[in-house]
Amino acid sequence: MRIVQALGSSRRGGAERFFTRLARSFHEAGIAQRLLVRGGHWAEAQLVEAGVPVDRAYFGGTLDVFTRLKFRRVLADHKADIALTWMRRAASACPKGPWLHVGRLGNYYDLKAFGGCDHLIANTPGIADYIRNGGWPAERVSYIPNFVPLIRADPVPRAALDTPAGVPLILWLGRMEREKGPDIVVRALAMTPEAWLWMAGDGSMF
């Protein structure tokens, strides 16, 4: 199986982090892959530092013909069986060809951007339902969640954070950005005054 993965984003969100983890895992497993990413951005630096070779493209949007040409050349040179595109920009830039085009969604995007895909992967059951409700046949939609690195650590004693032993404890972990809803769990806490909340993460709402 020969894969070309393409990421058109330059953010540092969950999808970008999972893309780099998956690309590194494929690389370590010896899977034949090529990676097409936006040059000079975070994902490229992470992969190069890990010794994973990458190809650069601009992913500038609808009028960016150069990215489409580069994408086609990488797919053809690699004799790709699968083009795995991450989110809207990469999905829109992927050319038609003998390869299977699989789009991966981590949000409720406008499905028009994925019209050229043969199959869609959703990273939550809700997104998978959204895709099917949007008219996609069930056999062309899969739910595959993101995986995270296995980290073993000793439990944190409640007393270390001044938390009573007998109270309900809510743990929220994630990127503290509005789309992840850290404010929602804080508002929910006001409805459950007997509970305590521990939050951990980083982001603009930290």
N, C-alpha and C. Protein backbone atom coordinates (compact mmCIF):
# COMPACT_ATOMS: atom_id res chain seq x y z
N MET A 1 0.85 -1.19 0.00
CA MET A 1 0.00 0.00 0.00
C MET A 1 0.88 1.25 0.00
N ARG A 2 0.63 2.13 -0.92
CA ARG A 2 1.42 3.36 -1.06
C ARG A 2 0.48 4.55 -0.84
N ILE A 3 0.86 5.41 0.11
CA ILE A 3 -0.02 6.49 0.56
C ILE A 3 0.65 7.84 0.36
N VAL A 4 -0.12 8.82 -0.08
CA VAL A 4 0.28 10.22 -0.03
C VAL A 4 -0.68 10.92 0.93
N GLN A 5 -0.13 11.52 1.98
CA GLN A 5 -0.94 12.30 2.91
C GLN A 5 -0.70 13.79 2.66
N ALA A 6 -1.77 14.57 2.71
CA ALA A 6 -1.65 16.00 2.46
C ALA A 6 -2.36 16.78 3.55
N LEU A 7 -1.65 17.77 4.09
CA LEU A 7 -2.20 18.66 5.12
C LEU A 7 -2.04 20.09 4.64
N GLY A 8 -3.15 20.79 4.42
CA GLY A 8 -3.09 22.15 3.92
C GLY A 8 -3.15 23.21 5.00
N SER A 9 -3.20 22.81 6.26
CA SER A 9 -3.34 23.75 7.36
C SER A 9 -1.97 24.11 7.93
N SER A 10 -1.89 25.29 8.55
CA SER A 10 -0.67 25.71 9.24
C SER A 10 -0.91 25.91 10.73
N ARG A 11 -2.06 25.47 11.23
CA ARG A 11 -2.38 25.65 12.64
C ARG A 11 -1.66 24.59 13.50
N ARG A 12 -1.88 24.66 14.80
CA ARG A 12 -1.32 23.68 15.73
C ARG A 12 -2.43 22.99 16.51
N GLY A 13 -3.52 22.69 15.84
CA GLY A 13 -4.66 22.09 16.50
C GLY A 13 -4.55 20.58 16.59
N GLY A 14 -5.67 19.96 17.03
CA GLY A 14 -5.69 18.52 17.21
C GLY A 14 -5.46 17.75 15.93
N ALA A 15 -6.05 18.21 14.82
CA ALA A 15 -5.88 17.50 13.55
C ALA A 15 -4.43 17.54 13.09
N GLU A 16 -3.80 18.71 13.22
CA GLU A 16 -2.40 18.84 12.80
C GLU A 16 -1.48 17.98 13.67
N ARG A 17 -1.76 17.94 14.95
CA ARG A 17 -0.95 17.13 15.85
C ARG A 17 -1.14 15.64 15.56
N PHE A 18 -2.38 15.25 15.28
CA PHE A 18 -2.61 13.84 14.96
C PHE A 18 -1.99 13.48 13.62
N PHE A 19 -2.05 14.39 12.65
CA PHE A 19 -1.39 14.15 11.36
C PHE A 19 0.08 13.83 11.55
N THR A 20 0.77 14.61 12.37
CA THR A 20 2.20 14.37 12.58
C THR A 20 2.43 13.05 13.31
N ARG A 21 1.56 12.70 14.27
CA ARG A 21 1.72 11.42 14.96
C ARG A 21 1.51 10.25 14.01
N LEU A 22 0.48 10.34 13.19
CA LEU A 22 0.19 9.26 12.25
C LEU A 22 1.30 9.13 11.21
N ALA A 23 1.78 10.27 10.70
CA ALA A 23 2.85 10.24 9.71
C ALA A 23 4.12 9.62 10.30
N ARG A 24 4.43 9.97 11.52
CA ARG A 24 5.61 9.39 12.18
C ARG A 24 5.43 7.89 12.40
N SER A 25 4.22 7.49 12.79
CA SER A 25 3.95 6.07 13.02
C SER A 25 4.08 5.27 11.73
N PHE A 26 3.53 5.79 10.64
CA PHE A 26 3.68 5.13 9.33
C PHE A 26 5.16 5.03 8.95
N HIS A 27 5.88 6.11 9.18
CA HIS A 27 7.31 6.14 8.85
C HIS A 27 8.07 5.07 9.63
N GLU A 28 7.78 4.99 10.93
CA GLU A 28 8.46 4.00 11.77
C GLU A 28 8.07 2.57 11.41
N ALA A 29 6.84 2.40 10.89
CA ALA A 29 6.38 1.07 10.49
C ALA A 29 6.84 0.67 9.10
N GLY A 30 7.51 1.58 8.40
CA GLY A 30 8.02 1.27 7.06
C GLY A 30 6.97 1.32 5.96
N ILE A 31 5.85 1.99 6.22
CA ILE A 31 4.81 2.13 5.19
C ILE A 31 5.27 3.15 4.15
N ALA A 32 5.09 2.82 2.89
CA ALA A 32 5.52 3.70 1.80
C ALA A 32 4.58 4.90 1.72
N GLN A 33 5.06 6.04 2.15
CA GLN A 33 4.23 7.24 2.14
C GLN A 33 5.03 8.44 1.65
N ARG A 34 4.32 9.42 1.11
CA ARG A 34 4.85 10.75 0.85
C ARG A 34 3.94 11.73 1.57
N LEU A 35 4.52 12.83 2.05
CA LEU A 35 3.77 13.82 2.81
C LEU A 35 3.86 15.16 2.10
N LEU A 36 2.72 15.79 1.92
CA LEU A 36 2.64 17.10 1.28
C LEU A 36 2.06 18.07 2.31
N VAL A 37 2.87 19.08 2.71
CA VAL A 37 2.46 20.01 3.75
C VAL A 37 2.77 21.44 3.33
N ARG A 38 2.20 22.39 4.05
CA ARG A 38 2.51 23.79 3.80
C ARG A 38 3.93 24.06 4.27
N GLY A 39 4.73 24.62 3.39
CA GLY A 39 6.13 24.85 3.70
C GLY A 39 6.33 25.92 4.76
N GLY A 40 7.30 25.69 5.64
CA GLY A 40 7.67 26.69 6.62
C GLY A 40 6.77 26.76 7.82
N HIS A 41 5.89 25.78 7.99
CA HIS A 41 4.95 25.84 9.10
C HIS A 41 5.22 24.73 10.11
N TRP A 42 4.42 24.71 11.15
CA TRP A 42 4.66 23.89 12.33
C TRP A 42 4.78 22.40 12.02
N ALA A 43 3.84 21.87 11.23
CA ALA A 43 3.84 20.43 10.97
C ALA A 43 5.12 20.00 10.24
N GLU A 44 5.55 20.82 9.29
CA GLU A 44 6.79 20.49 8.57
C GLU A 44 7.96 20.43 9.55
N ALA A 45 8.07 21.41 10.42
CA ALA A 45 9.19 21.45 11.36
C ALA A 45 9.17 20.22 12.28
N GLN A 46 7.98 19.83 12.72
CA GLN A 46 7.86 18.67 13.60
C GLN A 46 8.31 17.39 12.89
N LEU A 47 7.92 17.23 11.64
CA LEU A 47 8.26 16.01 10.91
C LEU A 47 9.74 15.98 10.53
N VAL A 48 10.27 17.10 10.10
CA VAL A 48 11.69 17.15 9.74
C VAL A 48 12.55 16.84 10.96
N GLU A 49 12.16 17.39 12.10
CA GLU A 49 12.91 17.14 13.34
C GLU A 49 12.90 15.65 13.69
N ALA A 50 11.80 14.95 13.34
CA ALA A 50 11.69 13.52 13.62
C ALA A 50 12.32 12.67 12.52
N GLY A 51 12.90 13.31 11.51
CA GLY A 51 13.54 12.56 10.43
C GLY A 51 12.60 12.03 9.38
N VAL A 52 11.40 12.61 9.29
CA VAL A 52 10.41 12.17 8.30
C VAL A 52 10.46 13.13 7.10
N PRO A 53 10.78 12.63 5.90
CA PRO A 53 10.86 13.53 4.74
C PRO A 53 9.49 14.06 4.33
N VAL A 54 9.46 15.32 3.86
CA VAL A 54 8.21 15.95 3.45
C VAL A 54 8.41 16.67 2.12
N ASP A 55 7.30 16.89 1.42
CA ASP A 55 7.24 17.74 0.24
C ASP A 55 6.45 18.98 0.59
N ARG A 56 6.82 20.10 0.00
CA ARG A 56 6.16 21.37 0.29
C ARG A 56 5.17 21.75 -0.80
N ALA A 57 4.07 22.39 -0.37
CA ALA A 57 3.13 23.02 -1.29
C ALA A 57 2.55 24.24 -0.59
N TYR A 58 1.91 25.10 -1.36
CA TYR A 58 1.42 26.35 -0.79
C TYR A 58 0.01 26.22 -0.22
N PHE A 59 -0.87 25.44 -0.88
CA PHE A 59 -2.26 25.27 -0.47
C PHE A 59 -2.94 26.63 -0.31
N GLY A 60 -2.92 27.39 -1.39
CA GLY A 60 -3.43 28.75 -1.34
C GLY A 60 -4.90 28.92 -1.63
N GLY A 61 -5.62 27.84 -1.95
CA GLY A 61 -7.05 27.99 -2.19
C GLY A 61 -7.44 27.68 -3.62
N THR A 62 -8.61 28.15 -4.02
CA THR A 62 -9.23 27.78 -5.29
C THR A 62 -8.36 28.11 -6.50
N LEU A 63 -7.68 29.26 -6.49
CA LEU A 63 -6.92 29.70 -7.65
C LEU A 63 -5.47 29.21 -7.65
N ASP A 64 -5.11 28.40 -6.69
CA ASP A 64 -3.73 27.94 -6.56
C ASP A 64 -3.50 26.71 -7.44
N VAL A 65 -3.20 26.93 -8.72
CA VAL A 65 -2.98 25.82 -9.65
C VAL A 65 -1.65 25.14 -9.39
N PHE A 66 -0.70 25.84 -8.81
CA PHE A 66 0.63 25.26 -8.59
C PHE A 66 0.57 24.12 -7.58
N THR A 67 -0.24 24.28 -6.53
CA THR A 67 -0.38 23.21 -5.56
C THR A 67 -1.02 21.98 -6.19
N ARG A 68 -2.01 22.19 -7.04
CA ARG A 68 -2.65 21.06 -7.71
C ARG A 68 -1.66 20.31 -8.60
N LEU A 69 -0.83 21.06 -9.32
CA LEU A 69 0.17 20.42 -10.17
C LEU A 69 1.19 19.66 -9.33
N LYS A 70 1.63 20.26 -8.22
CA LYS A 70 2.58 19.59 -7.34
C LYS A 70 1.95 18.34 -6.74
N PHE A 71 0.70 18.44 -6.34
CA PHE A 71 -0.02 17.32 -5.75
C PHE A 71 -0.08 16.16 -6.75
N ARG A 72 -0.45 16.46 -7.98
CA ARG A 72 -0.55 15.42 -9.01
C ARG A 72 0.81 14.77 -9.26
N ARG A 73 1.86 15.58 -9.29
CA ARG A 73 3.19 15.03 -9.55
C ARG A 73 3.64 14.10 -8.42
N VAL A 74 3.39 14.50 -7.18
CA VAL A 74 3.77 13.66 -6.03
C VAL A 74 2.98 12.35 -6.06
N LEU A 75 1.69 12.42 -6.33
CA LEU A 75 0.86 11.21 -6.40
C LEU A 75 1.33 10.27 -7.50
N ALA A 76 1.63 10.84 -8.68
CA ALA A 76 2.06 10.02 -9.80
C ALA A 76 3.44 9.42 -9.56
N ASP A 77 4.38 10.24 -9.08
CA ASP A 77 5.74 9.75 -8.84
C ASP A 77 5.76 8.64 -7.80
N HIS A 78 4.90 8.74 -6.81
CA HIS A 78 4.85 7.76 -5.72
C HIS A 78 4.04 6.52 -6.10
N LYS A 79 3.34 6.61 -7.24
CA LYS A 79 2.43 5.53 -7.67
C LYS A 79 1.45 5.21 -6.53
N ALA A 80 0.80 6.26 -6.07
CA ALA A 80 -0.04 6.17 -4.87
C ALA A 80 -1.27 5.30 -5.10
N ASP A 81 -1.56 4.50 -4.09
CA ASP A 81 -2.83 3.77 -4.04
C ASP A 81 -3.90 4.60 -3.34
N ILE A 82 -3.47 5.42 -2.36
CA ILE A 82 -4.40 6.21 -1.55
C ILE A 82 -3.88 7.63 -1.42
N ALA A 83 -4.76 8.59 -1.64
CA ALA A 83 -4.49 9.99 -1.29
C ALA A 83 -5.32 10.30 -0.06
N LEU A 84 -4.66 10.54 1.07
CA LEU A 84 -5.34 10.84 2.33
C LEU A 84 -5.20 12.33 2.60
N THR A 85 -6.32 13.06 2.49
CA THR A 85 -6.28 14.51 2.65
C THR A 85 -6.92 14.91 3.97
N TRP A 86 -6.31 15.90 4.59
CA TRP A 86 -6.73 16.36 5.91
C TRP A 86 -7.40 17.71 5.80
N MET A 87 -8.72 17.71 6.04
CA MET A 87 -9.52 18.92 6.07
C MET A 87 -9.73 19.52 4.68
N ARG A 88 -10.27 20.74 4.64
CA ARG A 88 -10.83 21.27 3.39
C ARG A 88 -9.80 21.62 2.33
N ARG A 89 -8.75 22.33 2.70
CA ARG A 89 -7.82 22.82 1.70
C ARG A 89 -7.18 21.67 0.93
N ALA A 90 -6.71 20.68 1.68
CA ALA A 90 -6.05 19.55 1.02
C ALA A 90 -7.04 18.75 0.18
N ALA A 91 -8.27 18.56 0.70
CA ALA A 91 -9.27 17.80 -0.06
C ALA A 91 -9.61 18.49 -1.37
N SER A 92 -9.75 19.81 -1.34
CA SER A 92 -10.09 20.56 -2.54
C SER A 92 -8.96 20.56 -3.55
N ALA A 93 -7.71 20.46 -3.08
CA ALA A 93 -6.56 20.53 -3.98
C ALA A 93 -6.20 19.19 -4.60
N CYS A 94 -6.77 18.10 -4.10
CA CYS A 94 -6.39 16.78 -4.58
C CYS A 94 -6.96 16.51 -5.97
N PRO A 95 -6.12 16.15 -6.93
CA PRO A 95 -6.61 15.88 -8.29
C PRO A 95 -7.22 14.48 -8.40
N LYS A 96 -8.03 14.30 -9.42
CA LYS A 96 -8.57 12.98 -9.74
C LYS A 96 -7.46 12.10 -10.30
N GLY A 97 -7.60 10.80 -10.10
CA GLY A 97 -6.61 9.88 -10.62
C GLY A 97 -6.97 8.46 -10.27
N PRO A 98 -6.07 7.52 -10.52
CA PRO A 98 -6.36 6.11 -10.22
C PRO A 98 -6.31 5.79 -8.73
N TRP A 99 -5.86 6.72 -7.92
CA TRP A 99 -5.78 6.52 -6.48
C TRP A 99 -7.14 6.68 -5.82
N LEU A 100 -7.30 6.08 -4.66
CA LEU A 100 -8.50 6.26 -3.84
C LEU A 100 -8.30 7.52 -3.01
N HIS A 101 -9.23 8.47 -3.13
CA HIS A 101 -9.13 9.72 -2.39
C HIS A 101 -9.96 9.61 -1.12
N VAL A 102 -9.28 9.64 0.01
CA VAL A 102 -9.92 9.55 1.32
C VAL A 102 -9.74 10.89 2.04
N GLY A 103 -10.83 11.49 2.44
CA GLY A 103 -10.78 12.75 3.19
C GLY A 103 -11.03 12.49 4.66
N ARG A 104 -10.26 13.18 5.51
CA ARG A 104 -10.44 13.03 6.96
C ARG A 104 -10.99 14.33 7.53
N LEU A 105 -12.09 14.21 8.29
CA LEU A 105 -12.75 15.37 8.88
C LEU A 105 -12.68 15.31 10.39
N GLY A 106 -12.31 16.43 10.99
CA GLY A 106 -12.32 16.55 12.44
C GLY A 106 -13.27 17.63 12.90
N ASN A 107 -14.17 18.07 12.00
CA ASN A 107 -15.12 19.12 12.35
C ASN A 107 -16.30 19.03 11.38
N TYR A 108 -17.31 19.86 11.63
CA TYR A 108 -18.53 19.83 10.81
C TYR A 108 -18.37 20.77 9.63
N TYR A 109 -17.48 20.41 8.71
CA TYR A 109 -17.18 21.25 7.56
C TYR A 109 -18.31 21.18 6.53
N ASP A 110 -18.33 22.19 5.65
CA ASP A 110 -19.22 22.15 4.50
C ASP A 110 -18.77 20.99 3.62
N LEU A 111 -19.66 20.06 3.38
CA LEU A 111 -19.29 18.83 2.66
C LEU A 111 -19.01 19.07 1.19
N LYS A 112 -19.33 20.25 0.67
CA LYS A 112 -19.03 20.54 -0.73
C LYS A 112 -17.54 20.46 -1.01
N ALA A 113 -16.73 20.81 -0.02
CA ALA A 113 -15.28 20.79 -0.21
C ALA A 113 -14.75 19.37 -0.38
N PHE A 114 -15.56 18.37 -0.03
CA PHE A 114 -15.12 16.98 -0.08
C PHE A 114 -15.81 16.20 -1.19
N GLY A 115 -16.39 16.92 -2.13
CA GLY A 115 -17.13 16.26 -3.21
C GLY A 115 -16.26 15.38 -4.08
N GLY A 116 -14.96 15.64 -4.14
CA GLY A 116 -14.07 14.83 -4.95
C GLY A 116 -13.55 13.60 -4.25
N CYS A 117 -13.96 13.37 -3.02
CA CYS A 117 -13.47 12.22 -2.24
C CYS A 117 -14.26 10.97 -2.58
N ASP A 118 -13.59 9.84 -2.48
CA ASP A 118 -14.25 8.54 -2.64
C ASP A 118 -14.76 8.01 -1.31
N HIS A 119 -14.11 8.42 -0.23
CA HIS A 119 -14.46 7.92 1.09
C HIS A 119 -14.13 9.01 2.11
N LEU A 120 -14.90 9.08 3.18
CA LEU A 120 -14.64 10.06 4.23
C LEU A 120 -14.46 9.35 5.57
N ILE A 121 -13.49 9.85 6.33
CA ILE A 121 -13.25 9.36 7.69
C ILE A 121 -13.58 10.48 8.66
N ALA A 122 -14.40 10.17 9.67
CA ALA A 122 -14.75 11.12 10.72
C ALA A 122 -14.07 10.68 12.01
N ASN A 123 -13.61 11.66 12.79
CA ASN A 123 -12.92 11.28 14.03
C ASN A 123 -13.85 11.28 15.25
N THR A 124 -15.15 11.54 15.05
CA THR A 124 -16.14 11.38 16.12
C THR A 124 -17.40 10.74 15.53
N PRO A 125 -18.18 10.02 16.33
CA PRO A 125 -19.44 9.47 15.82
C PRO A 125 -20.40 10.56 15.33
N GLY A 126 -20.40 11.72 16.01
CA GLY A 126 -21.29 12.80 15.60
C GLY A 126 -20.97 13.33 14.22
N ILE A 127 -19.68 13.45 13.90
CA ILE A 127 -19.30 13.92 12.57
C ILE A 127 -19.65 12.87 11.52
N ALA A 128 -19.49 11.59 11.86
CA ALA A 128 -19.89 10.53 10.93
C ALA A 128 -21.38 10.60 10.64
N ASP A 129 -22.20 10.83 11.66
CA ASP A 129 -23.65 10.98 11.45
C ASP A 129 -23.94 12.21 10.59
N TYR A 130 -23.23 13.30 10.84
CA TYR A 130 -23.41 14.54 10.06
C TYR A 130 -23.14 14.27 8.58
N ILE A 131 -22.08 13.51 8.28
CA ILE A 131 -21.73 13.21 6.89
C ILE A 131 -22.82 12.36 6.24
N ARG A 132 -23.27 11.32 6.95
CA ARG A 132 -24.31 10.45 6.39
C ARG A 132 -25.62 11.23 6.21
N ASN A 133 -25.94 12.08 7.18
CA ASN A 133 -27.16 12.89 7.06
C ASN A 133 -27.03 13.91 5.92
N GLY A 134 -25.80 14.22 5.52
CA GLY A 134 -25.57 15.12 4.41
C GLY A 134 -25.66 14.45 3.05
N GLY A 135 -26.03 13.16 3.04
CA GLY A 135 -26.27 12.48 1.77
C GLY A 135 -25.22 11.45 1.38
N TRP A 136 -24.19 11.27 2.20
CA TRP A 136 -23.16 10.29 1.86
C TRP A 136 -23.65 8.89 2.21
N PRO A 137 -23.45 7.90 1.31
CA PRO A 137 -23.82 6.52 1.64
C PRO A 137 -23.02 6.01 2.83
N ALA A 138 -23.65 5.22 3.67
CA ALA A 138 -23.00 4.75 4.89
C ALA A 138 -21.73 3.96 4.60
N GLU A 139 -21.70 3.22 3.48
CA GLU A 139 -20.51 2.41 3.17
C GLU A 139 -19.31 3.25 2.73
N ARG A 140 -19.53 4.54 2.51
CA ARG A 140 -18.43 5.43 2.13
C ARG A 140 -18.01 6.35 3.28
N VAL A 141 -18.46 6.03 4.49
CA VAL A 141 -18.15 6.83 5.67
C VAL A 141 -17.64 5.90 6.77
N SER A 142 -16.51 6.25 7.38
CA SER A 142 -15.95 5.46 8.48
C SER A 142 -15.68 6.38 9.68
N TYR A 143 -15.82 5.81 10.85
CA TYR A 143 -15.46 6.50 12.09
C TYR A 143 -14.16 5.90 12.60
N ILE A 144 -13.10 6.70 12.62
CA ILE A 144 -11.81 6.27 13.16
C ILE A 144 -11.32 7.40 14.07
N PRO A 145 -11.32 7.18 15.38
CA PRO A 145 -10.91 8.25 16.30
C PRO A 145 -9.42 8.51 16.25
N ASN A 146 -9.02 9.69 16.68
CA ASN A 146 -7.60 10.00 16.84
C ASN A 146 -7.03 9.17 17.99
N PHE A 147 -5.76 8.83 17.89
CA PHE A 147 -5.10 8.20 19.02
C PHE A 147 -4.11 9.18 19.62
N VAL A 148 -3.79 8.98 20.87
CA VAL A 148 -2.83 9.84 21.56
C VAL A 148 -1.69 8.98 22.07
N PRO A 149 -0.52 9.56 22.27
CA PRO A 149 0.59 8.77 22.82
C PRO A 149 0.25 8.23 24.20
N LEU A 150 0.72 7.02 24.48
CA LEU A 150 0.51 6.42 25.79
C LEU A 150 1.49 7.03 26.78
N ILE A 151 0.94 7.70 27.78
CA ILE A 151 1.75 8.33 28.82
C ILE A 151 1.32 7.78 30.17
N ARG A 152 2.24 7.17 30.87
CA ARG A 152 1.93 6.62 32.19
C ARG A 152 2.41 7.61 33.26
N ALA A 153 1.55 7.85 34.22
CA ALA A 153 1.89 8.78 35.31
C ALA A 153 1.15 8.36 36.56
N ASP A 154 1.70 8.70 37.68
CA ASP A 154 1.05 8.41 38.95
C ASP A 154 -0.16 9.33 39.13
N PRO A 155 -1.22 8.82 39.76
CA PRO A 155 -2.40 9.68 40.03
C PRO A 155 -2.01 10.87 40.90
N VAL A 156 -2.69 11.98 40.65
CA VAL A 156 -2.48 13.17 41.47
C VAL A 156 -3.40 13.10 42.67
N PRO A 157 -2.89 13.14 43.89
CA PRO A 157 -3.76 13.11 45.07
C PRO A 157 -4.69 14.33 45.08
N ARG A 158 -5.91 14.14 45.44
CA ARG A 158 -6.85 15.26 45.51
C ARG A 158 -6.33 16.35 46.44
N ALA A 159 -5.71 15.95 47.51
CA ALA A 159 -5.23 16.94 48.49
C ALA A 159 -4.19 17.87 47.88
N ALA A 160 -3.50 17.41 46.85
CA ALA A 160 -2.47 18.25 46.23
C ALA A 160 -3.07 19.49 45.57
N LEU A 161 -4.36 19.42 45.21
CA LEU A 161 -5.05 20.57 44.62
C LEU A 161 -6.22 21.02 45.49
N ASP A 162 -6.08 20.80 46.80
CA ASP A 162 -7.06 21.27 47.78
C ASP A 162 -8.47 20.80 47.46
N THR A 163 -8.60 19.56 46.97
CA THR A 163 -9.91 19.01 46.60
C THR A 163 -10.35 18.01 47.66
N PRO A 164 -11.53 18.18 48.24
CA PRO A 164 -12.00 17.23 49.26
C PRO A 164 -12.11 15.82 48.70
N ALA A 165 -11.96 14.84 49.57
CA ALA A 165 -11.92 13.44 49.14
C ALA A 165 -13.27 12.94 48.63
N GLY A 166 -14.37 13.40 49.19
CA GLY A 166 -15.65 12.79 48.88
C GLY A 166 -16.48 13.47 47.81
N VAL A 167 -15.99 14.54 47.19
CA VAL A 167 -16.83 15.29 46.24
C VAL A 167 -16.69 14.71 44.83
N PRO A 168 -17.73 14.88 43.98
CA PRO A 168 -17.58 14.50 42.57
C PRO A 168 -16.50 15.37 41.91
N LEU A 169 -15.67 14.74 41.12
CA LEU A 169 -14.56 15.46 40.48
C LEU A 169 -14.69 15.34 38.97
N ILE A 170 -14.69 16.48 38.27
CA ILE A 170 -14.73 16.53 36.80
C ILE A 170 -13.34 16.88 36.30
N LEU A 171 -12.85 16.12 35.33
CA LEU A 171 -11.54 16.38 34.73
C LEU A 171 -11.74 16.78 33.28
N TRP A 172 -11.24 17.95 32.89
CA TRP A 172 -11.31 18.43 31.50
C TRP A 172 -9.89 18.60 30.99
N LEU A 173 -9.58 17.92 29.88
CA LEU A 173 -8.26 18.02 29.26
C LEU A 173 -8.45 18.42 27.81
N GLY A 174 -7.69 19.37 27.34
CA GLY A 174 -7.82 19.74 25.93
C GLY A 174 -7.15 21.05 25.61
N ARG A 175 -7.28 21.42 24.35
CA ARG A 175 -6.76 22.70 23.88
C ARG A 175 -7.76 23.78 24.24
N MET A 176 -7.31 24.79 24.96
CA MET A 176 -8.23 25.80 25.48
C MET A 176 -8.51 26.88 24.43
N GLU A 177 -9.30 26.46 23.44
CA GLU A 177 -9.79 27.35 22.40
C GLU A 177 -11.31 27.28 22.41
N ARG A 178 -11.95 28.34 21.91
CA ARG A 178 -13.41 28.42 22.00
C ARG A 178 -14.10 27.23 21.36
N GLU A 179 -13.57 26.72 20.23
CA GLU A 179 -14.24 25.63 19.55
C GLU A 179 -14.19 24.33 20.34
N LYS A 180 -13.29 24.25 21.34
CA LYS A 180 -13.22 23.05 22.17
C LYS A 180 -14.14 23.12 23.38
N GLY A 181 -14.71 24.28 23.65
CA GLY A 181 -15.74 24.41 24.67
C GLY A 181 -15.30 24.41 26.12
N PRO A 182 -14.11 24.93 26.47
CA PRO A 182 -13.78 24.97 27.90
C PRO A 182 -14.74 25.86 28.69
N ASP A 183 -15.30 26.89 28.05
CA ASP A 183 -16.25 27.75 28.73
C ASP A 183 -17.55 27.01 29.05
N ILE A 184 -17.88 26.01 28.23
CA ILE A 184 -19.12 25.26 28.45
C ILE A 184 -19.03 24.45 29.73
N VAL A 185 -17.88 23.81 29.95
CA VAL A 185 -17.75 23.00 31.17
C VAL A 185 -17.73 23.88 32.41
N VAL A 186 -17.20 25.10 32.29
CA VAL A 186 -17.23 26.02 33.43
C VAL A 186 -18.65 26.45 33.74
N ARG A 187 -19.43 26.75 32.69
CA ARG A 187 -20.84 27.11 32.92
C ARG A 187 -21.62 25.93 33.49
N ALA A 188 -21.31 24.71 33.02
CA ALA A 188 -22.00 23.52 33.53
C ALA A 188 -21.69 23.31 35.01
N LEU A 189 -20.49 23.72 35.42
CA LEU A 189 -20.11 23.56 36.81
C LEU A 189 -21.03 24.36 37.73
N ALA A 190 -21.49 25.51 37.24
CA ALA A 190 -22.40 26.33 38.05
C ALA A 190 -23.72 25.62 38.31
N MET A 191 -24.07 24.62 37.47
CA MET A 191 -25.30 23.86 37.64
C MET A 191 -25.09 22.64 38.55
N THR A 192 -23.84 22.36 38.87
CA THR A 192 -23.52 21.23 39.75
C THR A 192 -22.59 21.73 40.85
N PRO A 193 -23.09 22.55 41.77
CA PRO A 193 -22.24 23.21 42.76
C PRO A 193 -21.52 22.26 43.70
N GLU A 194 -21.96 21.00 43.77
CA GLU A 194 -21.29 20.05 44.66
C GLU A 194 -20.01 19.48 44.04
N ALA A 195 -19.83 19.68 42.72
CA ALA A 195 -18.68 19.09 42.02
C ALA A 195 -17.49 20.05 42.02
N TRP A 196 -16.32 19.47 41.85
CA TRP A 196 -15.08 20.21 41.67
C TRP A 196 -14.58 19.94 40.26
N LEU A 197 -13.87 20.91 39.71
CA LEU A 197 -13.39 20.81 38.33
C LEU A 197 -11.88 20.99 38.27
N TRP A 198 -11.22 20.06 37.61
CA TRP A 198 -9.81 20.22 37.27
C TRP A 198 -9.71 20.40 35.76
N MET A 199 -8.97 21.41 35.32
CA MET A 199 -8.79 21.68 33.90
C MET A 199 -7.28 21.74 33.60
N ALA A 200 -6.91 21.14 32.48
CA ALA A 200 -5.52 21.19 32.05
C ALA A 200 -5.46 21.34 30.54
N GLY A 201 -4.61 22.22 30.08
CA GLY A 201 -4.47 22.45 28.65
C GLY A 201 -3.74 23.75 28.39
N ASP A 202 -3.74 24.14 27.15
CA ASP A 202 -3.08 25.38 26.75
C ASP A 202 -3.86 26.00 25.62
N GLY A 203 -3.70 27.29 25.40
CA GLY A 203 -4.41 27.94 24.33
C GLY A 203 -4.77 29.37 24.69
N SER A 204 -5.51 30.01 23.82
CA SER A 204 -5.81 31.44 23.99
C SER A 204 -6.74 31.72 25.16
N MET A 205 -7.50 30.70 25.60
CA MET A 205 -8.41 30.90 26.72
C MET A 205 -7.81 30.45 28.05
N PHE A 206 -6.52 30.14 28.04
CA PHE A 206 -5.85 29.67 29.26
C PHE A 206 -5.74 30.81 30.27
